[in-house]
Full PDB file with SEQRES, HELIX, SHEET, SSBOND, CRYST1, ORIGX, SCALE, CONECT and MASTER records, all heavy atoms in Angstrom:
SEQRES   1 A   33  GLN ILE ALA VAL GLY ALA ASP PHE ALA CYS ALA LEU LEU          
SEQRES   2 A   33  GLY THR GLY GLU VAL ASP CYS TRP GLY SER ASN ASP GLN          
SEQRES   3 A   33  GLY GLN LEU GLY PRO LEU ASP                                  
SHEET    1 AA1 3 ILE A   2  VAL A   4  0                                        
SHEET    2 AA1 3 PHE A   8  LEU A  12 -1                                        
SHEET    3 AA1 3 VAL A  18  GLY A  22 -1                                        
SSBOND   1 CYS A   10    CYS A   20                          1555   1555  2.07  
CRYST1    1.000    1.000    1.000  90.00  90.00  90.00 P 1           1          
ORIGX1      1.000000  0.000000  0.000000        0.00000                         
ORIGX2      0.000000  1.000000  0.000000        0.00000                         
ORIGX3      0.000000  0.000000  1.000000        0.00000                         
SCALE1      1.000000  0.000000  0.000000        0.00000                         
SCALE2      0.000000  1.000000  0.000000        0.00000                         
SCALE3      0.000000  0.000000  1.000000        0.00000                         
ATOM      1  N   GLN A   1      -4.826  32.740-197.234  1.00  0.00           N  
ATOM      2  CA  GLN A   1      -5.789  32.004-196.338  1.00  0.00           C  
ATOM      3  C   GLN A   1      -5.937  32.879-195.145  1.00  0.00           C  
ATOM      4  O   GLN A   1      -5.005  33.454-194.694  1.00  0.00           O  
ATOM      5  CB  GLN A   1      -5.352  30.562-196.018  1.00  0.00           C  
ATOM      6  CG  GLN A   1      -6.422  29.884-195.234  1.00  0.00           C  
ATOM      7  CD  GLN A   1      -5.922  28.549-194.741  1.00  0.00           C  
ATOM      8  OE1 GLN A   1      -4.772  28.056-195.043  1.00  0.00           O  
ATOM      9  NE2 GLN A   1      -6.721  27.767-193.988  1.00  0.00           N  
ATOM     10  N   ILE A   2      -7.105  32.834-194.526  1.00  0.00           N  
ATOM     11  CA  ILE A   2      -7.349  33.416-193.118  1.00  0.00           C  
ATOM     12  C   ILE A   2      -7.983  32.462-192.232  1.00  0.00           C  
ATOM     13  O   ILE A   2      -8.552  31.412-192.640  1.00  0.00           O  
ATOM     14  CB  ILE A   2      -8.238  34.639-193.249  1.00  0.00           C  
ATOM     15  CG1 ILE A   2      -9.557  34.416-193.940  1.00  0.00           C  
ATOM     16  CG2 ILE A   2      -7.566  35.866-193.946  1.00  0.00           C  
ATOM     17  CD1 ILE A   2     -10.584  35.500-193.931  1.00  0.00           C  
ATOM     18  N   ALA A   3      -7.688  32.683-190.946  1.00  0.00           N  
ATOM     19  CA  ALA A   3      -8.217  31.812-189.872  1.00  0.00           C  
ATOM     20  C   ALA A   3      -8.638  32.740-188.739  1.00  0.00           C  
ATOM     21  O   ALA A   3      -7.865  33.619-188.431  1.00  0.00           O  
ATOM     22  CB  ALA A   3      -7.344  30.732-189.461  1.00  0.00           C  
ATOM     23  N   VAL A   4      -9.816  32.511-188.078  1.00  0.00           N  
ATOM     24  CA  VAL A   4     -10.325  33.425-187.135  1.00  0.00           C  
ATOM     25  C   VAL A   4     -10.666  32.772-185.804  1.00  0.00           C  
ATOM     26  O   VAL A   4     -11.356  31.671-185.909  1.00  0.00           O  
ATOM     27  CB  VAL A   4     -11.535  34.105-187.626  1.00  0.00           C  
ATOM     28  CG1 VAL A   4     -12.298  35.005-186.571  1.00  0.00           C  
ATOM     29  CG2 VAL A   4     -11.182  35.117-188.807  1.00  0.00           C  
ATOM     30  N   GLY A   5     -10.191  33.234-184.679  1.00  0.00           N  
ATOM     31  CA  GLY A   5     -10.638  32.728-183.366  1.00  0.00           C  
ATOM     32  C   GLY A   5     -11.685  33.532-182.803  1.00  0.00           C  
ATOM     33  O   GLY A   5     -12.354  34.314-183.428  1.00  0.00           O  
ATOM     34  N   ALA A   6     -11.776  33.377-181.531  1.00  0.00           N  
ATOM     35  CA  ALA A   6     -12.889  34.133-180.761  1.00  0.00           C  
ATOM     36  C   ALA A   6     -12.699  35.600-180.928  1.00  0.00           C  
ATOM     37  O   ALA A   6     -13.636  36.353-181.259  1.00  0.00           O  
ATOM     38  CB  ALA A   6     -12.845  33.712-179.248  1.00  0.00           C  
ATOM     39  N   ASP A   7     -11.560  36.115-180.692  1.00  0.00           N  
ATOM     40  CA  ASP A   7     -11.203  37.522-180.722  1.00  0.00           C  
ATOM     41  C   ASP A   7      -9.878  37.863-181.266  1.00  0.00           C  
ATOM     42  O   ASP A   7      -9.220  38.882-180.912  1.00  0.00           O  
ATOM     43  CB  ASP A   7     -11.496  38.220-179.293  1.00  0.00           C  
ATOM     44  CG  ASP A   7     -10.761  37.463-178.213  1.00  0.00           C  
ATOM     45  OD1 ASP A   7      -9.779  36.740-178.513  1.00  0.00           O  
ATOM     46  OD2 ASP A   7     -11.227  37.431-177.104  1.00  0.00           O  
ATOM     47  N   PHE A   8      -9.388  37.062-182.171  1.00  0.00           N  
ATOM     48  CA  PHE A   8      -8.183  37.315-182.840  1.00  0.00           C  
ATOM     49  C   PHE A   8      -8.281  36.665-184.307  1.00  0.00           C  
ATOM     50  O   PHE A   8      -9.204  35.849-184.589  1.00  0.00           O  
ATOM     51  CB  PHE A   8      -6.938  36.650-182.083  1.00  0.00           C  
ATOM     52  CG  PHE A   8      -6.866  35.245-182.266  1.00  0.00           C  
ATOM     53  CD1 PHE A   8      -5.915  34.543-183.110  1.00  0.00           C  
ATOM     54  CD2 PHE A   8      -7.596  34.390-181.498  1.00  0.00           C  
ATOM     55  CE1 PHE A   8      -5.819  33.261-183.301  1.00  0.00           C  
ATOM     56  CE2 PHE A   8      -7.544  33.025-181.606  1.00  0.00           C  
ATOM     57  CZ  PHE A   8      -6.683  32.367-182.474  1.00  0.00           C  
ATOM     58  N   ALA A   9      -7.307  36.960-185.235  1.00  0.00           N  
ATOM     59  CA  ALA A   9      -7.411  36.477-186.449  1.00  0.00           C  
ATOM     60  C   ALA A   9      -5.904  36.296-186.981  1.00  0.00           C  
ATOM     61  O   ALA A   9      -4.991  36.864-186.588  1.00  0.00           O  
ATOM     62  CB  ALA A   9      -8.141  37.395-187.426  1.00  0.00           C  
ATOM     63  N   CYS A  10      -5.766  35.404-188.010  1.00  0.00           N  
ATOM     64  CA  CYS A  10      -4.530  35.086-188.526  1.00  0.00           C  
ATOM     65  C   CYS A  10      -4.556  35.067-190.132  1.00  0.00           C  
ATOM     66  O   CYS A  10      -5.608  34.678-190.616  1.00  0.00           O  
ATOM     67  CB  CYS A  10      -3.909  33.749-188.060  1.00  0.00           C  
ATOM     68  SG  CYS A  10      -3.600  33.640-186.211  1.00  0.00           S  
ATOM     69  N   ALA A  11      -3.490  35.379-190.762  1.00  0.00           N  
ATOM     70  CA  ALA A  11      -3.472  35.358-192.137  1.00  0.00           C  
ATOM     71  C   ALA A  11      -2.175  34.607-192.668  1.00  0.00           C  
ATOM     72  O   ALA A  11      -1.122  34.810-192.052  1.00  0.00           O  
ATOM     73  CB  ALA A  11      -3.458  36.747-192.710  1.00  0.00           C  
ATOM     74  N   LEU A  12      -2.363  33.696-193.651  1.00  0.00           N  
ATOM     75  CA  LEU A  12      -1.220  33.083-194.195  1.00  0.00           C  
ATOM     76  C   LEU A  12      -0.862  33.770-195.535  1.00  0.00           C  
ATOM     77  O   LEU A  12      -1.652  34.020-196.416  1.00  0.00           O  
ATOM     78  CB  LEU A  12      -1.595  31.580-194.505  1.00  0.00           C  
ATOM     79  CG  LEU A  12      -0.660  30.791-195.338  1.00  0.00           C  
ATOM     80  CD1 LEU A  12       0.643  30.558-194.593  1.00  0.00           C  
ATOM     81  CD2 LEU A  12      -1.227  29.427-195.763  1.00  0.00           C  
ATOM     82  N   LEU A  13       0.415  34.271-195.563  1.00  0.00           N  
ATOM     83  CA  LEU A  13       0.839  34.895-196.746  1.00  0.00           C  
ATOM     84  C   LEU A  13       1.435  33.962-197.749  1.00  0.00           C  
ATOM     85  O   LEU A  13       1.791  32.896-197.501  1.00  0.00           O  
ATOM     86  CB  LEU A  13       1.946  35.892-196.313  1.00  0.00           C  
ATOM     87  CG  LEU A  13       1.677  36.888-195.192  1.00  0.00           C  
ATOM     88  CD1 LEU A  13       2.682  37.887-194.964  1.00  0.00           C  
ATOM     89  CD2 LEU A  13       0.284  37.519-195.377  1.00  0.00           C  
ATOM     90  N   GLY A  14       1.560  34.473-199.024  1.00  0.00           N  
ATOM     91  CA  GLY A  14       2.077  33.681-200.061  1.00  0.00           C  
ATOM     92  C   GLY A  14       3.518  33.196-199.812  1.00  0.00           C  
ATOM     93  O   GLY A  14       4.042  32.260-200.366  1.00  0.00           O  
ATOM     94  N   THR A  15       4.230  33.962-199.042  1.00  0.00           N  
ATOM     95  CA  THR A  15       5.644  33.645-198.591  1.00  0.00           C  
ATOM     96  C   THR A  15       5.720  32.481-197.638  1.00  0.00           C  
ATOM     97  O   THR A  15       6.839  31.951-197.337  1.00  0.00           O  
ATOM     98  CB  THR A  15       6.338  34.826-198.055  1.00  0.00           C  
ATOM     99  OG1 THR A  15       5.610  35.275-196.847  1.00  0.00           O  
ATOM    100  CG2 THR A  15       6.266  36.025-198.997  1.00  0.00           C  
ATOM    101  N   GLY A  16       4.572  32.071-196.965  1.00  0.00           N  
ATOM    102  CA  GLY A  16       4.653  31.004-195.976  1.00  0.00           C  
ATOM    103  C   GLY A  16       4.597  31.624-194.557  1.00  0.00           C  
ATOM    104  O   GLY A  16       4.549  30.979-193.587  1.00  0.00           O  
ATOM    105  N   GLU A  17       4.677  32.943-194.522  1.00  0.00           N  
ATOM    106  CA  GLU A  17       4.572  33.629-193.180  1.00  0.00           C  
ATOM    107  C   GLU A  17       3.194  33.641-192.722  1.00  0.00           C  
ATOM    108  O   GLU A  17       2.266  33.759-193.444  1.00  0.00           O  
ATOM    109  CB  GLU A  17       5.099  35.076-193.290  1.00  0.00           C  
ATOM    110  CG  GLU A  17       5.052  35.878-192.048  1.00  0.00           C  
ATOM    111  CD  GLU A  17       5.572  37.355-192.243  1.00  0.00           C  
ATOM    112  OE1 GLU A  17       6.825  37.401-192.581  1.00  0.00           O  
ATOM    113  OE2 GLU A  17       4.830  38.300-192.057  1.00  0.00           O  
ATOM    114  N   VAL A  18       3.040  33.566-191.330  1.00  0.00           N  
ATOM    115  CA  VAL A  18       1.739  33.618-190.644  1.00  0.00           C  
ATOM    116  C   VAL A  18       1.710  34.910-189.812  1.00  0.00           C  
ATOM    117  O   VAL A  18       2.602  35.078-188.876  1.00  0.00           O  
ATOM    118  CB  VAL A  18       1.443  32.405-189.854  1.00  0.00           C  
ATOM    119  CG1 VAL A  18       0.108  32.565-189.196  1.00  0.00           C  
ATOM    120  CG2 VAL A  18       1.379  31.187-190.792  1.00  0.00           C  
ATOM    121  N   ASP A  19       0.780  35.808-190.016  1.00  0.00           N  
ATOM    122  CA  ASP A  19       0.606  36.995-189.233  1.00  0.00           C  
ATOM    123  C   ASP A  19      -0.767  36.890-188.507  1.00  0.00           C  
ATOM    124  O   ASP A  19      -1.781  36.553-189.005  1.00  0.00           O  
ATOM    125  CB  ASP A  19       0.565  38.280-190.140  1.00  0.00           C  
ATOM    126  CG  ASP A  19       1.918  38.502-190.739  1.00  0.00           C  
ATOM    127  OD1 ASP A  19       2.860  37.669-190.550  1.00  0.00           O  
ATOM    128  OD2 ASP A  19       2.124  39.489-191.430  1.00  0.00           O  
ATOM    129  N   CYS A  20      -0.759  37.305-187.233  1.00  0.00           N  
ATOM    130  CA  CYS A  20      -1.921  37.349-186.372  1.00  0.00           C  
ATOM    131  C   CYS A  20      -2.052  38.659-185.607  1.00  0.00           C  
ATOM    132  O   CYS A  20      -1.125  39.373-185.415  1.00  0.00           O  
ATOM    133  CB  CYS A  20      -1.822  36.253-185.304  1.00  0.00           C  
ATOM    134  SG  CYS A  20      -1.728  34.496-186.042  1.00  0.00           S  
ATOM    135  N   TRP A  21      -3.289  38.963-185.408  1.00  0.00           N  
ATOM    136  CA  TRP A  21      -3.679  40.311-184.704  1.00  0.00           C  
ATOM    137  C   TRP A  21      -4.883  40.136-183.850  1.00  0.00           C  
ATOM    138  O   TRP A  21      -5.604  39.116-183.939  1.00  0.00           O  
ATOM    139  CB  TRP A  21      -3.861  41.363-185.750  1.00  0.00           C  
ATOM    140  CG  TRP A  21      -5.072  41.178-186.594  1.00  0.00           C  
ATOM    141  CD1 TRP A  21      -6.303  41.714-186.512  1.00  0.00           C  
ATOM    142  CD2 TRP A  21      -5.118  40.398-187.837  1.00  0.00           C  
ATOM    143  NE1 TRP A  21      -7.137  41.334-187.482  1.00  0.00           N  
ATOM    144  CE2 TRP A  21      -6.422  40.512-188.379  1.00  0.00           C  
ATOM    145  CE3 TRP A  21      -4.171  39.638-188.481  1.00  0.00           C  
ATOM    146  CZ2 TRP A  21      -6.790  39.839-189.553  1.00  0.00           C  
ATOM    147  CZ3 TRP A  21      -4.532  38.877-189.645  1.00  0.00           C  
ATOM    148  CH2 TRP A  21      -5.816  39.073-190.117  1.00  0.00           C  
ATOM    149  N   GLY A  22      -5.150  41.081-182.990  1.00  0.00           N  
ATOM    150  CA  GLY A  22      -6.215  41.049-181.977  1.00  0.00           C  
ATOM    151  C   GLY A  22      -5.792  40.757-180.583  1.00  0.00           C  
ATOM    152  O   GLY A  22      -4.707  41.298-180.120  1.00  0.00           O  
ATOM    153  N   SER A  23      -6.474  39.844-179.861  1.00  0.00           N  
ATOM    154  CA  SER A  23      -6.179  39.498-178.571  1.00  0.00           C  
ATOM    155  C   SER A  23      -5.024  38.590-178.411  1.00  0.00           C  
ATOM    156  O   SER A  23      -4.907  37.654-179.201  1.00  0.00           O  
ATOM    157  CB  SER A  23      -7.344  38.987-177.874  1.00  0.00           C  
ATOM    158  OG  SER A  23      -7.016  38.650-176.501  1.00  0.00           O  
ATOM    159  N   ASN A  24      -4.096  38.767-177.463  1.00  0.00           N  
ATOM    160  CA  ASN A  24      -2.936  37.925-177.186  1.00  0.00           C  
ATOM    161  C   ASN A  24      -3.038  37.328-175.687  1.00  0.00           C  
ATOM    162  O   ASN A  24      -2.068  37.048-175.212  1.00  0.00           O  
ATOM    163  CB  ASN A  24      -1.698  38.519-177.392  1.00  0.00           C  
ATOM    164  CG  ASN A  24      -0.472  37.587-177.576  1.00  0.00           C  
ATOM    165  OD1 ASN A  24      -0.613  36.521-178.259  1.00  0.00           O  
ATOM    166  ND2 ASN A  24       0.656  37.925-176.935  1.00  0.00           N  
ATOM    167  N   ASP A  25      -4.231  37.368-175.221  1.00  0.00           N  
ATOM    168  CA  ASP A  25      -4.291  37.055-173.668  1.00  0.00           C  
ATOM    169  C   ASP A  25      -3.989  35.528-173.399  1.00  0.00           C  
ATOM    170  O   ASP A  25      -3.651  35.199-172.190  1.00  0.00           O  
ATOM    171  CB  ASP A  25      -5.714  37.433-173.140  1.00  0.00           C  
ATOM    172  CG  ASP A  25      -6.817  36.670-173.750  1.00  0.00           C  
ATOM    173  OD1 ASP A  25      -6.690  36.240-174.888  1.00  0.00           O  
ATOM    174  OD2 ASP A  25      -7.852  36.507-173.103  1.00  0.00           O  
ATOM    175  N   GLN A  26      -4.072  34.745-174.464  1.00  0.00           N  
ATOM    176  CA  GLN A  26      -3.664  33.382-174.267  1.00  0.00           C  
ATOM    177  C   GLN A  26      -2.489  32.983-175.149  1.00  0.00           C  
ATOM    178  O   GLN A  26      -2.271  31.838-175.483  1.00  0.00           O  
ATOM    179  CB  GLN A  26      -4.868  32.449-174.639  1.00  0.00           C  
ATOM    180  CG  GLN A  26      -6.067  32.647-173.762  1.00  0.00           C  
ATOM    181  CD  GLN A  26      -5.897  32.146-172.342  1.00  0.00           C  
ATOM    182  OE1 GLN A  26      -5.075  31.274-172.042  1.00  0.00           O  
ATOM    183  NE2 GLN A  26      -6.517  32.889-171.328  1.00  0.00           N  
ATOM    184  N   GLY A  27      -1.749  33.965-175.646  1.00  0.00           N  
ATOM    185  CA  GLY A  27      -0.596  33.751-176.573  1.00  0.00           C  
ATOM    186  C   GLY A  27      -0.987  33.489-177.923  1.00  0.00           C  
ATOM    187  O   GLY A  27      -0.243  32.961-178.714  1.00  0.00           O  
ATOM    188  N   GLN A  28      -2.217  33.903-178.407  1.00  0.00           N  
ATOM    189  CA  GLN A  28      -2.630  33.611-179.712  1.00  0.00           C  
ATOM    190  C   GLN A  28      -1.840  34.362-180.827  1.00  0.00           C  
ATOM    191  O   GLN A  28      -1.819  33.902-181.980  1.00  0.00           O  
ATOM    192  CB  GLN A  28      -4.107  34.136-179.939  1.00  0.00           C  
ATOM    193  CG  GLN A  28      -5.115  33.580-178.952  1.00  0.00           C  
ATOM    194  CD  GLN A  28      -5.336  34.434-177.822  1.00  0.00           C  
ATOM    195  OE1 GLN A  28      -4.368  34.893-177.128  1.00  0.00           O  
ATOM    196  NE2 GLN A  28      -6.595  34.933-177.619  1.00  0.00           N  
ATOM    197  N   LEU A  29      -1.083  35.359-180.461  1.00  0.00           N  
ATOM    198  CA  LEU A  29      -0.266  36.141-181.456  1.00  0.00           C  
ATOM    199  C   LEU A  29       1.138  35.760-181.340  1.00  0.00           C  
ATOM    200  O   LEU A  29       1.975  36.255-182.093  1.00  0.00           O  
ATOM    201  CB  LEU A  29      -0.456  37.644-181.170  1.00  0.00           C  
ATOM    202  CG  LEU A  29      -1.826  38.315-181.091  1.00  0.00           C  
ATOM    203  CD1 LEU A  29      -1.820  39.731-181.050  1.00  0.00           C  
ATOM    204  CD2 LEU A  29      -2.789  37.755-182.174  1.00  0.00           C  
ATOM    205  N   GLY A  30       1.493  34.826-180.498  1.00  0.00           N  
ATOM    206  CA  GLY A  30       2.902  34.475-180.300  1.00  0.00           C  
ATOM    207  C   GLY A  30       3.671  35.492-179.473  1.00  0.00           C  
ATOM    208  O   GLY A  30       2.929  36.462-178.990  1.00  0.00           O  
ATOM    209  N   PRO A  31       4.885  35.492-179.356  1.00  0.00           N  
ATOM    210  CA  PRO A  31       5.647  36.465-178.577  1.00  0.00           C  
ATOM    211  C   PRO A  31       5.599  37.804-179.292  1.00  0.00           C  
ATOM    212  O   PRO A  31       5.898  37.949-180.446  1.00  0.00           O  
ATOM    213  CB  PRO A  31       7.095  35.872-178.545  1.00  0.00           C  
ATOM    214  CG  PRO A  31       7.162  35.030-179.702  1.00  0.00           C  
ATOM    215  CD  PRO A  31       5.700  34.466-179.880  1.00  0.00           C  
ATOM    216  N   LEU A  32       5.236  38.826-178.496  1.00  0.00           N  
ATOM    217  CA  LEU A  32       5.163  40.179-179.072  1.00  0.00           C  
ATOM    218  C   LEU A  32       6.347  41.000-178.593  1.00  0.00           C  
ATOM    219  O   LEU A  32       6.764  40.922-177.458  1.00  0.00           O  
ATOM    220  CB  LEU A  32       3.863  40.869-178.512  1.00  0.00           C  
ATOM    221  CG  LEU A  32       2.533  40.315-179.193  1.00  0.00           C  
ATOM    222  CD1 LEU A  32       1.411  41.057-178.569  1.00  0.00           C  
ATOM    223  CD2 LEU A  32       2.536  40.421-180.660  1.00  0.00           C  
ATOM    224  N   ASP A  33       6.900  41.849-179.487  1.00  0.00           N  
ATOM    225  CA  ASP A  33       7.873  42.728-179.062  1.00  0.00           C  
ATOM    226  C   ASP A  33       7.258  43.967-178.302  1.00  0.00           C  
ATOM    227  O   ASP A  33       6.039  44.157-178.361  1.00  0.00           O  
ATOM    228  CB  ASP A  33       8.624  43.376-180.337  1.00  0.00           C  
ATOM    229  CG  ASP A  33       9.448  42.289-181.096  1.00  0.00           C  
ATOM    230  OD1 ASP A  33       9.819  41.259-180.387  1.00  0.00           O  
ATOM    231  OD2 ASP A  33       9.590  42.331-182.262  1.00  0.00           O  
TER     232      ASP A  33                                                      
CONECT   68  134                                                                
CONECT  134   68                                                                
MASTER        0    0    0    0    3    0    0    6  231    1    2    3          
END                                                                             
């Protein structure tokens, strides 16, 4: 499954993991290393 915000996107993997990319100016990607 995918979900898209204004300027970021997220993907749900078959493992149950959620990955996001794009802008993180409001924390949309969670904590980044």
